[in-house]
PDB file of N, CA and C in Angstrom:
ATOM      1  N   MET A   1     118.729 -12.259  14.552  1.00  0.00           N
ATOM      2  CA  MET A   1     119.909 -12.118  15.452  1.00  0.00           C
ATOM      3  C   MET A   1     120.983 -12.063  15.265  1.00  0.00           C
ATOM      4  N   ALA A   2     121.786 -12.936  14.373  1.00  0.00           N
ATOM      5  CA  ALA A   2     122.706 -12.274  13.599  1.00  0.00           C
ATOM      6  C   ALA A   2     122.880 -11.021  12.778  1.00  0.00           C
ATOM      7  N   GLY A   3     121.994 -11.081  12.376  1.00  0.00           N
ATOM      8  CA  GLY A   3     121.422  -9.572  11.566  1.00  0.00           C
ATOM      9  C   GLY A   3     121.291  -8.468  12.451  1.00  0.00           C
ATOM     10  N   LYS A   4     120.612  -8.651  13.661  1.00  0.00           N
ATOM     11  CA  LYS A   4     120.882  -7.592  14.885  1.00  0.00           C
ATOM     12  C   LYS A   4     122.250  -7.017  15.112  1.00  0.00           C
ATOM     13  N   ARG A   5     123.060  -8.348  15.569  1.00  0.00           N
ATOM     14  CA  ARG A   5     124.580  -8.081  15.832  1.00  0.00           C
ATOM     15  C   ARG A   5     125.085  -7.507  14.695  1.00  0.00           C
ATOM     16  N   PHE A   6     125.199  -7.813  13.591  1.00  0.00           N
ATOM     17  CA  PHE A   6     125.546  -7.158  12.598  1.00  0.00           C
ATOM     18  C   PHE A   6     125.607  -5.246  12.583  1.00  0.00           C
ATOM     19  N   TRP A   7     124.123  -5.315  12.177  1.00  0.00           N
ATOM     20  CA  TRP A   7     123.649  -4.130  12.334  1.00  0.00           C
ATOM     21  C   TRP A   7     124.218  -3.213  13.838  1.00  0.00           C
ATOM     22  N   ASP A   8     124.028  -3.741  14.433  1.00  0.00           N
ATOM     23  CA  ASP A   8     124.439  -2.975  16.171  1.00  0.00           C
ATOM     24  C   ASP A   8     125.955  -2.758  15.846  1.00  0.00           C
ATOM     25  N   ASP A   9     127.029  -3.539  15.416  1.00  0.00           N
ATOM     26  CA  ASP A   9     128.110  -3.443  15.181  1.00  0.00           C
ATOM     27  C   ASP A   9     128.385  -2.396  14.230  1.00  0.00           C
ATOM     28  N   ILE A  10     127.879  -2.273  13.052  1.00  0.00           N
ATOM     29  CA  ILE A  10     128.211  -1.657  12.107  1.00  0.00           C
ATOM     30  C   ILE A  10     127.710   0.258  12.422  1.00  0.00           C
ATOM     31  N   TRP A  11     126.662  -0.048  13.150  1.00  0.00           N
ATOM     32  CA  TRP A  11     126.279   1.685  13.754  1.00  0.00           C
ATOM     33  C   TRP A  11     127.139   2.056  14.944  1.00  0.00           C
ATOM     34  N   ARG A  12     127.453   0.917  15.703  1.00  0.00           N
ATOM     35  CA  ARG A  12     128.353   1.394  16.928  1.00  0.00           C
ATOM     36  C   ARG A  12     130.028   1.553  16.414  1.00  0.00           C
ATOM     37  N   ASN A  13     130.283   0.958  15.648  1.00  0.00           N
ATOM     38  CA  ASN A  13     131.657   1.144  15.347  1.00  0.00           C
ATOM     39  C   ASN A  13     131.966   1.686  13.999  1.00  0.00           C
ATOM     40  N   HIS A  14     131.181   1.852  13.205  1.00  0.00           N
ATOM     41  CA  HIS A  14     131.650   2.668  11.966  1.00  0.00           C
ATOM     42  C   HIS A  14     130.584   3.501  11.368  1.00  0.00           C
ATOM     43  N   PRO A  15     129.560   4.389  12.350  1.00  0.00           N
ATOM     44  CA  PRO A  15     128.935   5.009  11.822  1.00  0.00           C
ATOM     45  C   PRO A  15     129.374   6.464  11.104  1.00  0.00           C
ATOM     46  N   LEU A  16     130.695   6.899  11.192  1.00  0.00           N
ATOM     47  CA  LEU A  16     131.182   7.954  10.503  1.00  0.00           C
ATOM     48  C   LEU A  16     131.950   7.664   8.905  1.00  0.00           C
ATOM     49  N   ASP A  17     131.924   6.100   8.814  1.00  0.00           N
ATOM     50  CA  ASP A  17     132.491   5.559   7.719  1.00  0.00           C
ATOM     51  C   ASP A  17     131.487   5.555   6.457  1.00  0.00           C
ATOM     52  N   LEU A  18     130.448   5.081   6.620  1.00  0.00           N
ATOM     53  CA  LEU A  18     129.304   5.268   5.939  1.00  0.00           C
ATOM     54  C   LEU A  18     128.897   6.180   5.007  1.00  0.00           C
ATOM     55  N   GLU A  19     128.519   6.031   3.493  1.00  0.00           N
ATOM     56  CA  GLU A  19     128.284   7.186   3.154  1.00  0.00           C
ATOM     57  C   GLU A  19     126.479   7.104   2.513  1.00  0.00           C
ATOM     58  N   PRO A  20     126.100   8.266   2.479  1.00  0.00           N
ATOM     59  CA  PRO A  20     124.686   8.112   2.437  1.00  0.00           C
ATOM     60  C   PRO A  20     123.496   7.287   1.928  1.00  0.00           C
ATOM     61  N   HIS A  21     124.324   6.803   0.797  1.00  0.00           N
ATOM     62  CA  HIS A  21     123.441   5.294   0.496  1.00  0.00           C
ATOM     63  C   HIS A  21     123.542   3.923   1.136  1.00  0.00           C
ATOM     64  N   ASP A  22     124.860   4.048   2.083  1.00  0.00           N
ATOM     65  CA  ASP A  22     125.245   2.528   2.827  1.00  0.00           C
ATOM     66  C   ASP A  22     124.077   2.544   3.476  1.00  0.00           C
ATOM     67  N   PRO A  23     123.467   2.961   4.570  1.00  0.00           N
ATOM     68  CA  PRO A  23     122.576   2.493   5.400  1.00  0.00           C
ATOM     69  C   PRO A  23     121.116   1.164   4.886  1.00  0.00           C
ATOM     70  N   ALA A  24     121.174   1.582   3.527  1.00  0.00           N
ATOM     71  CA  ALA A  24     120.055   0.415   2.658  1.00  0.00           C
ATOM     72  C   ALA A  24     121.065  -0.916   2.700  1.00  0.00           C
ATOM     73  N   LEU A  25     122.600  -0.747   2.151  1.00  0.00           N
ATOM     74  CA  LEU A  25     123.169  -1.639   1.899  1.00  0.00           C
ATOM     75  C   LEU A  25     123.518  -2.514   3.310  1.00  0.00           C
ATOM     76  N   VAL A  26     123.705  -1.672   4.535  1.00  0.00           N
ATOM     77  CA  VAL A  26     123.745  -2.023   5.822  1.00  0.00           C
ATOM     78  C   VAL A  26     122.659  -2.874   5.969  1.00  0.00           C
ATOM     79  N   ALA A  27     121.305  -2.487   6.114  1.00  0.00           N
ATOM     80  CA  ALA A  27     119.907  -3.285   5.866  1.00  0.00           C
ATOM     81  C   ALA A  27     119.807  -4.570   5.477  1.00  0.00           C
ATOM     82  N   MET A  28     120.369  -4.424   3.817  1.00  0.00           N
ATOM     83  CA  MET A  28     120.278  -5.314   3.296  1.00  0.00           C
ATOM     84  C   MET A  28     121.460  -6.515   3.766  1.00  0.00           C
ATOM     85  N   ALA A  29     122.573  -6.427   4.003  1.00  0.00           N
ATOM     86  CA  ALA A  29     123.131  -7.477   4.634  1.00  0.00           C
ATOM     87  C   ALA A  29     122.718  -7.731   6.041  1.00  0.00           C
ATOM     88  N   ALA A  30     122.524  -7.074   6.785  1.00  0.00           N
ATOM     89  CA  ALA A  30     121.808  -7.668   8.082  1.00  0.00           C
ATOM     90  C   ALA A  30     120.312  -8.537   7.844  1.00  0.00           C
ATOM     91  N   ALA A  31     119.662  -8.408   6.621  1.00  0.00           N
ATOM     92  CA  ALA A  31     118.719  -9.127   6.399  1.00  0.00           C
ATOM     93  C   ALA A  31     119.073 -10.646   5.959  1.00  0.00           C
ATOM     94  N   THR A  32     120.175 -10.268   5.275  1.00  0.00           N
ATOM     95  CA  THR A  32     121.254 -11.550   4.601  1.00  0.00           C
ATOM     96  C   THR A  32     121.490 -12.393   5.803  1.00  0.00           C
ATOM     97  N   PHE A  33     121.962 -11.991   6.833  1.00  0.00           N
ATOM     98  CA  PHE A  33     122.406 -12.365   7.957  1.00  0.00           C
ATOM     99  C   PHE A  33     121.743 -13.387   8.621  1.00  0.00           C
ATOM    100  N   ASP A  34     120.881 -12.751   8.783  1.00  0.00           N
ATOM    101  CA  ASP A  34     119.013 -13.545   9.077  1.00  0.00           C
ATOM    102  C   ASP A  34     118.684 -14.417   8.518  1.00  0.00           C
ATOM    103  N   GLU A  35     118.474 -14.330   7.483  1.00  0.00           N
ATOM    104  CA  GLU A  35     118.296 -15.349   6.291  1.00  0.00           C
ATOM    105  C   GLU A  35     118.965 -16.372   6.339  1.00  0.00           C
ATOM    106  N   CYS A  36     120.359 -16.159   6.297  1.00  0.00           N
ATOM    107  CA  CYS A  36     121.394 -17.303   6.435  1.00  0.00           C
ATOM    108  C   CYS A  36     120.797 -18.117   8.004  1.00  0.00           C
ATOM    109  N   GLU A  37     120.818 -17.536   8.745  1.00  0.00           N
ATOM    110  CA  GLU A  37     120.394 -17.993  10.152  1.00  0.00           C
ATOM    111  C   GLU A  37     119.407 -18.950   9.980  1.00  0.00           C
ATOM    112  N   ARG A  38     118.232 -18.593   9.405  1.00  0.00           N
ATOM    113  CA  ARG A  38     117.090 -19.270   9.316  1.00  0.00           C
ATOM    114  C   ARG A  38     117.163 -20.628   8.718  1.00  0.00           C
ATOM    115  N   TYR A  39     118.137 -20.453   7.439  1.00  0.00           N
ATOM    116  CA  TYR A  39     118.364 -21.670   6.765  1.00  0.00           C
ATOM    117  C   TYR A  39     119.204 -22.433   7.768  1.00  0.00           C
ATOM    118  N   ARG A  40     120.132 -22.090   8.628  1.00  0.00           N
ATOM    119  CA  ARG A  40     120.923 -23.211   9.014  1.00  0.00           C
ATOM    120  C   ARG A  40     119.938 -23.843  10.330  1.00  0.00           C
ATOM    121  N   SER A  41     119.508 -23.222  10.678  1.00  0.00           N
ATOM    122  CA  SER A  41     118.123 -23.331  11.851  1.00  0.00           C
ATOM    123  C   SER A  41     117.451 -24.647  11.235  1.00  0.00           C
ATOM    124  N   HIS A  42     116.958 -24.294  10.240  1.00  0.00           N
ATOM    125  CA  HIS A  42     116.286 -25.298   9.414  1.00  0.00           C
ATOM    126  C   HIS A  42     116.996 -26.614   9.030  1.00  0.00           C
ATOM    127  N   MET A  43     118.067 -26.791   8.784  1.00  0.00           N
ATOM    128  CA  MET A  43     118.834 -27.767   8.510  1.00  0.00           C
ATOM    129  C   MET A  43     119.322 -28.113   9.706  1.00  0.00           C
ATOM    130  N   MET A  44     119.510 -27.763  11.092  1.00  0.00           N
ATOM    131  CA  MET A  44     119.756 -28.158  12.278  1.00  0.00           C
ATOM    132  C   MET A  44     118.711 -29.147  12.661  1.00  0.00           C
ATOM    133  N   ALA A  45     117.471 -28.929  12.586  1.00  0.00           N
ATOM    134  CA  ALA A  45     116.203 -29.315  12.969  1.00  0.00           C
ATOM    135  C   ALA A  45     115.763 -30.448  11.975  1.00  0.00           C
ATOM    136  N   HIS A  46     115.740 -30.025  10.937  1.00  0.00           N
ATOM    137  CA  HIS A  46     115.465 -31.328   9.736  1.00  0.00           C
ATOM    138  C   HIS A  46     116.511 -31.838   8.820  1.00  0.00           C
ATOM    139  N   GLY A  47     117.680 -31.544   9.224  1.00  0.00           N
ATOM    140  CA  GLY A  47     118.595 -32.101   8.406  1.00  0.00           C
ATOM    141  C   GLY A  47     118.405 -31.612   7.168  1.00  0.00           C
ATOM    142  N   ASP A  48     119.687 -31.814   6.158  1.00  0.00           N
ATOM    143  CA  ASP A  48     120.371 -31.174   4.890  1.00  0.00           C
ATOM    144  C   ASP A  48     119.922 -32.127   3.938  1.00  0.00           C
ATOM    145  N   ILE A  49     119.457 -33.289   3.864  1.00  0.00           N
ATOM    146  CA  ILE A  49     119.264 -34.385   2.873  1.00  0.00           C
ATOM    147  C   ILE A  49     117.728 -34.964   2.708  1.00  0.00           C
ATOM    148  N   LEU A  50     117.590 -35.168   1.511  1.00  0.00           N
ATOM    149  CA  LEU A  50     116.228 -35.227   1.111  1.00  0.00           C
ATOM    150  C   LEU A  50     116.421 -36.687   0.123  1.00  0.00           C
ATOM    151  N   THR A  51     115.618 -37.604   0.403  1.00  0.00           N
ATOM    152  CA  THR A  51     115.486 -38.938  -0.268  1.00  0.00           C
ATOM    153  C   THR A  51     114.316 -38.678  -1.421  1.00  0.00           C
ATOM    154  N   GLU A  52     114.823 -38.701  -2.405  1.00  0.00           N
ATOM    155  CA  GLU A  52     114.253 -38.490  -3.451  1.00  0.00           C
ATOM    156  C   GLU A  52     113.759 -39.997  -4.629  1.00  0.00           C
ATOM    157  N   PRO A  53     112.910 -40.200  -4.904  1.00  0.00           N
ATOM    158  CA  PRO A  53     112.434 -41.381  -6.229  1.00  0.00           C
ATOM    159  C   PRO A  53     112.924 -41.099  -7.356  1.00  0.00           C
ATOM    160  N   MET A  54     113.679 -42.411  -7.970  1.00  0.00           N
ATOM    161  CA  MET A  54     114.273 -42.658  -9.425  1.00  0.00           C
ATOM    162  C   MET A  54     113.042 -43.336  -9.802  1.00  0.00           C
ATOM    163  N   PHE A  55     112.850 -42.887 -10.801  1.00  0.00           N
ATOM    164  CA  PHE A  55     111.554 -43.688 -11.739  1.00  0.00           C
ATOM    165  C   PHE A  55     111.954 -43.858 -13.118  1.00  0.00           C
ATOM    166  N   SER A  56     111.606 -44.833 -13.312  1.00  0.00           N
ATOM    167  CA  SER A  56     111.785 -45.731 -14.425  1.00  0.00           C
ATOM    168  C   SER A  56     111.447 -44.973 -16.155  1.00  0.00           C
ATOM    169  N   ALA A  57     111.368 -45.076 -17.063  1.00  0.00           N
ATOM    170  CA  ALA A  57     110.901 -44.328 -18.378  1.00  0.00           C
ATOM    171  C   ALA A  57     109.395 -44.563 -18.270  1.00  0.00           C
ATOM    172  N   SER A  58     109.120 -45.749 -17.660  1.00  0.00           N
ATOM    173  CA  SER A  58     107.287 -45.944 -17.697  1.00  0.00           C
ATOM    174  C   SER A  58     106.654 -45.325 -16.586  1.00  0.00           C
ATOM    175  N   GLY A  59     107.571 -44.705 -15.586  1.00  0.00           N
ATOM    176  CA  GLY A  59     107.144 -43.923 -14.413  1.00  0.00           C
ATOM    177  C   GLY A  59     106.953 -44.877 -13.234  1.00  0.00           C
ATOM    178  N   LYS A  60     107.754 -45.965 -13.610  1.00  0.00           N
ATOM    179  CA  LYS A  60     107.934 -47.015 -12.249  1.00  0.00           C
ATOM    180  C   LYS A  60     109.019 -46.532 -11.423  1.00  0.00           C
ATOM    181  N   VAL A  61     108.824 -46.401  -9.518  1.00  0.00           N
ATOM    182  CA  VAL A  61     109.808 -46.201  -8.826  1.00  0.00           C
ATOM    183  C   VAL A  61     110.698 -47.356  -9.078  1.00  0.00           C
ATOM    184  N   VAL A  62     112.318 -47.050  -9.529  1.00  0.00           N
ATOM    185  CA  VAL A  62     113.007 -47.915  -9.278  1.00  0.00           C
ATOM    186  C   VAL A  62     114.065 -48.214  -8.401  1.00  0.00           C
ATOM    187  N   GLY A  63     113.971 -46.645  -7.516  1.00  0.00           N
ATOM    188  CA  GLY A  63     115.291 -46.763  -6.060  1.00  0.00           C
ATOM    189  C   GLY A  63     115.036 -45.256  -5.694  1.00  0.00           C
ATOM    190  N   SER A  64     115.691 -44.835  -5.034  1.00  0.00           N
ATOM    191  CA  SER A  64     115.902 -43.479  -4.553  1.00  0.00           C
ATOM    192  C   SER A  64     117.421 -42.853  -4.583  1.00  0.00           C
ATOM    193  N   LYS A  65     117.549 -41.649  -4.172  1.00  0.00           N
ATOM    194  CA  LYS A  65     118.667 -41.017  -4.513  1.00  0.00           C
ATOM    195  C   LYS A  65     118.810 -39.928  -3.388  1.00  0.00           C
ATOM    196  N   GLN A  66     119.933 -39.503  -2.701  1.00  0.00           N
ATOM    197  CA  GLN A  66     120.009 -38.515  -1.690  1.00  0.00           C
ATOM    198  C   GLN A  66     120.295 -37.328  -2.141  1.00  0.00           C
ATOM    199  N   VAL A  67     119.478 -36.230  -2.109  1.00  0.00           N
ATOM    200  CA  VAL A  67     120.156 -34.854  -2.585  1.00  0.00           C
ATOM    201  C   VAL A  67     120.098 -33.841  -1.505  1.00  0.00           C
ATOM    202  N   PRO A  68     120.909 -33.015  -1.675  1.00  0.00           N
ATOM    203  CA  PRO A  68     120.855 -31.585  -0.508  1.00  0.00           C
ATOM    204  C   PRO A  68     119.283 -30.921  -0.610  1.00  0.00           C
ATOM    205  N   LYS A  69     118.838 -30.837   0.284  1.00  0.00           N
ATOM    206  CA  LYS A  69     117.941 -29.993   0.602  1.00  0.00           C
ATOM    207  C   LYS A  69     117.529 -28.197  -0.233  1.00  0.00           C
ATOM    208  N   PRO A  70     116.686 -28.207  -0.755  1.00  0.00           N
ATOM    209  CA  PRO A  70     117.022 -26.590  -1.083  1.00  0.00           C
ATOM    210  C   PRO A  70     117.577 -25.475  -0.400  1.00  0.00           C
ATOM    211  N   ALA A  71     117.450 -25.956   1.128  1.00  0.00           N
ATOM    212  CA  ALA A  71     117.654 -24.894   2.019  1.00  0.00           C
ATOM    213  C   ALA A  71     118.934 -24.536   1.547  1.00  0.00           C
ATOM    214  N   VAL A  72     119.956 -25.847   1.605  1.00  0.00           N
ATOM    215  CA  VAL A  72     121.919 -25.772   1.747  1.00  0.00           C
ATOM    216  C   VAL A  72     121.715 -24.897   0.193  1.00  0.00           C
ATOM    217  N   ARG A  73     121.505 -25.060  -0.837  1.00  0.00           N
ATOM    218  CA  ARG A  73     121.539 -24.145  -1.999  1.00  0.00           C
ATOM    219  C   ARG A  73     121.052 -22.844  -1.709  1.00  0.00           C
ATOM    220  N   MET A  74     120.332 -22.301  -0.938  1.00  0.00           N
ATOM    221  CA  MET A  74     120.008 -21.260  -0.408  1.00  0.00           C
ATOM    222  C   MET A  74     120.774 -20.326   0.452  1.00  0.00           C
ATOM    223  N   LEU A  75     120.962 -21.349   1.209  1.00  0.00           N
ATOM    224  CA  LEU A  75     122.343 -20.861   2.423  1.00  0.00           C
ATOM    225  C   LEU A  75     123.543 -20.362   1.551  1.00  0.00           C
ATOM    226  N   ARG A  76     123.929 -21.367   0.585  1.00  0.00           N
ATOM    227  CA  ARG A  76     125.104 -20.923   0.037  1.00  0.00           C
ATOM    228  C   ARG A  76     125.140 -19.731  -0.984  1.00  0.00           C
ATOM    229  N   GLU A  77     124.054 -19.509  -1.528  1.00  0.00           N
ATOM    230  CA  GLU A  77     123.777 -18.428  -2.496  1.00  0.00           C
ATOM    231  C   GLU A  77     123.420 -16.908  -1.480  1.00  0.00           C
ATOM    232  N   ALA A  78     122.944 -16.952  -0.397  1.00  0.00           N
ATOM    233  CA  ALA A  78     122.929 -16.493   0.675  1.00  0.00           C
ATOM    234  C   ALA A  78     124.156 -15.775   1.092  1.00  0.00           C
ATOM    235  N   GLU A  79     125.315 -16.583   1.264  1.00  0.00           N
ATOM    236  CA  GLU A  79     126.484 -16.538   2.098  1.00  0.00           C
ATOM    237  C   GLU A  79     127.371 -16.230   0.587  1.00  0.00           C
ATOM    238  N   LYS A  80     127.030 -16.638  -0.348  1.00  0.00           N
ATOM    239  CA  LYS A  80     128.008 -16.033  -1.627  1.00  0.00           C
ATOM    240  C   LYS A  80     127.591 -14.705  -1.768  1.00  0.00           C
ATOM    241  N   GLN A  81     126.354 -14.541  -1.551  1.00  0.00           N
ATOM    242  CA  GLN A  81     126.051 -12.440  -1.871  1.00  0.00           C
ATOM    243  C   GLN A  81     126.715 -11.698  -0.680  1.00  0.00           C
ATOM    244  N   LEU A  82     126.459 -12.444   0.409  1.00  0.00           N
ATOM    245  CA  LEU A  82     126.720 -11.439   1.564  1.00  0.00           C
ATOM    246  C   LEU A  82     128.401 -11.240   1.622  1.00  0.00           C
ATOM    247  N   GLU A  83     129.289 -12.531   1.022  1.00  0.00           N
ATOM    248  CA  GLU A  83     130.695 -12.218   0.871  1.00  0.00           C
ATOM    249  C   GLU A  83     131.098 -11.435   0.010  1.00  0.00           C
ATOM    250  N   ARG A  84     130.291 -11.170  -1.214  1.00  0.00           N
ATOM    251  CA  ARG A  84     130.621 -10.624  -2.299  1.00  0.00           C
ATOM    252  C   ARG A  84     130.395  -8.980  -1.720  1.00  0.00           C
ATOM    253  N   TRP A  85     129.158  -8.909  -0.862  1.00  0.00           N
ATOM    254  CA  TRP A  85     129.082  -7.262  -0.690  1.00  0.00           C
ATOM    255  C   TRP A  85     129.767  -6.782   0.655  1.00  0.00           C
ATOM    256  N   LEU A  86     130.394  -7.900   1.158  1.00  0.00           N
ATOM    257  CA  LEU A  86     131.207  -7.330   2.398  1.00  0.00           C
ATOM    258  C   LEU A  86     132.610  -7.071   1.647  1.00  0.00           C
ATOM    259  N   ILE A  87     132.948  -7.641   0.571  1.00  0.00           N
ATOM    260  CA  ILE A  87     134.393  -7.945  -0.381  1.00  0.00           C
ATOM    261  C   ILE A  87     134.414  -6.391  -0.963  1.00  0.00           C
ATOM    262  N   ALA A  88     133.099  -6.159  -1.499  1.00  0.00           N
ATOM    263  CA  ALA A  88     132.958  -4.622  -2.112  1.00  0.00           C
ATOM    264  C   ALA A  88     133.003  -3.394  -1.380  1.00  0.00           C
ATOM    265  N   SER A  89     132.628  -3.553   0.014  1.00  0.00           N
ATOM    266  CA  SER A  89     132.445  -2.802   1.260  1.00  0.00           C
ATOM    267  C   SER A  89     134.117  -2.710   1.721  1.00  0.00           C
ATOM    268  N   ALA A  90     134.697  -3.931   1.988  1.00  0.00           N
ATOM    269  CA  ALA A  90     136.063  -3.524   2.303  1.00  0.00           C
ATOM    270  C   ALA A  90     136.643  -2.831   1.544  1.00  0.00           C
ATOM    271  N   SER A  91     136.771  -2.792   0.092  1.00  0.00           N
ATOM    272  CA  SER A  91     137.497  -2.431  -0.974  1.00  0.00           C
ATOM    273  C   SER A  91     137.235  -1.247  -0.316  1.00  0.00           C
ATOM    274  N   ARG A  92     136.369  -0.203  -0.217  1.00  0.00           N
ATOM    275  CA  ARG A  92     135.850   1.070  -0.481  1.00  0.00           C
ATOM    276  C   ARG A  92     136.721   1.084   1.205  1.00  0.00           C
ATOM    277  N   ARG A  93     136.835   0.296   1.869  1.00  0.00           N
ATOM    278  CA  ARG A  93     136.945   0.613   3.176  1.00  0.00           C
ATOM    279  C   ARG A  93     136.305   1.515   4.388  1.00  0.00           C
ATOM    280  N   ARG A  94     134.856   0.917   3.771  1.00  0.00           N
ATOM    281  CA  ARG A  94     134.190   1.302   4.871  1.00  0.00           C
ATOM    282  C   ARG A  94     133.561   0.080   6.012  1.00  0.00           C
ATOM    283  N   LEU A  95     133.758  -1.423   5.679  1.00  0.00           N
ATOM    284  CA  LEU A  95     133.427  -2.292   6.732  1.00  0.00           C
ATOM    285  C   LEU A  95     134.460  -3.093   6.704  1.00  0.00           C
ATOM    286  N   ALA A  96     134.429  -4.099   8.105  1.00  0.00           N
ATOM    287  CA  ALA A  96     135.485  -5.138   8.017  1.00  0.00           C
ATOM    288  C   ALA A  96     135.641  -6.108   6.864  1.00  0.00           C
ATOM    289  N   PRO A  97     136.868  -6.664   6.374  1.00  0.00           N
ATOM    290  CA  PRO A  97     136.986  -7.674   5.186  1.00  0.00           C
ATOM    291  C   PRO A  97     136.384  -8.616   5.447  1.00  0.00           C
ATOM    292  N   ALA A  98     135.775  -9.204   4.468  1.00  0.00           N
ATOM    293  CA  ALA A  98     135.091 -10.534   3.817  1.00  0.00           C
ATOM    294  C   ALA A  98     135.618 -11.729   4.958  1.00  0.00           C
ATOM    295  N   SER A  99     136.649 -11.680   5.017  1.00  0.00           N
ATOM    296  CA  SER A  99     136.857 -13.038   5.772  1.00  0.00           C
ATOM    297  C   SER A  99     136.721 -12.981   7.354  1.00  0.00           C
ATOM    298  N   SER A 100     136.105 -11.742   7.750  1.00  0.00           N
ATOM    299  CA  SER A 100     135.758 -11.501   9.188  1.00  0.00           C
ATOM    300  C   SER A 100     134.205 -11.627   9.222  1.00  0.00           C
ATOM    301  N   TRP A 101     133.608 -11.930   8.392  1.00  0.00           N
ATOM    302  CA  TRP A 101     132.072 -11.902   8.039  1.00  0.00           C
ATOM    303  C   TRP A 101     131.646 -13.088   9.112  1.00  0.00           C
ATOM    304  N   HIS A 102     132.112 -13.960   9.364  1.00  0.00           N
ATOM    305  CA  HIS A 102     131.683 -14.827  10.285  1.00  0.00           C
ATOM    306  C   HIS A 102     131.300 -14.558  11.504  1.00  0.00           C
ATOM    307  N   ARG A 103     131.806 -13.579  11.836  1.00  0.00           N
ATOM    308  CA  ARG A 103     131.892 -12.974  13.583  1.00  0.00           C
ATOM    309  C   ARG A 103     130.181 -13.056  14.106  1.00  0.00           C
ATOM    310  N   TRP A 104     129.833 -12.502  12.935  1.00  0.00           N
ATOM    311  CA  TRP A 104     128.524 -11.769  13.407  1.00  0.00           C
ATOM    312  C   TRP A 104     127.401 -13.155  13.267  1.00  0.00           C
ATOM    313  N   ARG A 105     127.754 -14.481  12.979  1.00  0.00           N
ATOM    314  CA  ARG A 105     126.959 -15.373  12.580  1.00  0.00           C
ATOM    315  C   ARG A 105     126.399 -16.459  14.041  1.00  0.00           C
ATOM    316  N   ARG A 106     127.609 -16.271  14.921  1.00  0.00           N
ATOM    317  CA  ARG A 106     127.481 -16.869  16.210  1.00  0.00           C
ATOM    318  C   ARG A 106     125.960 -17.639  16.421  1.00  0.00           C
TER     319      ARG A 106
END
């Protein structure tokens, strides 16, 4: 959904600003918005913390610790990738500045 909103907004509001290679970049950004949305949805449904066992040198469980789920790291990496792309695009004056990228996340 977020990717489709982004895709529709770009083609509706900025089609003449895009260079010939930009459609692939827009598709990549739209896919990344969708990826972020999937990670967020998973975390909302299942939480974002795991409890991992802690082992002694002999292999015996001696406790546990709370750690972020892999989806948290994956979401952060996808958001960083998206932000870098939007900053680069804004610097070429092709798309909205990265500070407004959240508007497609709704």
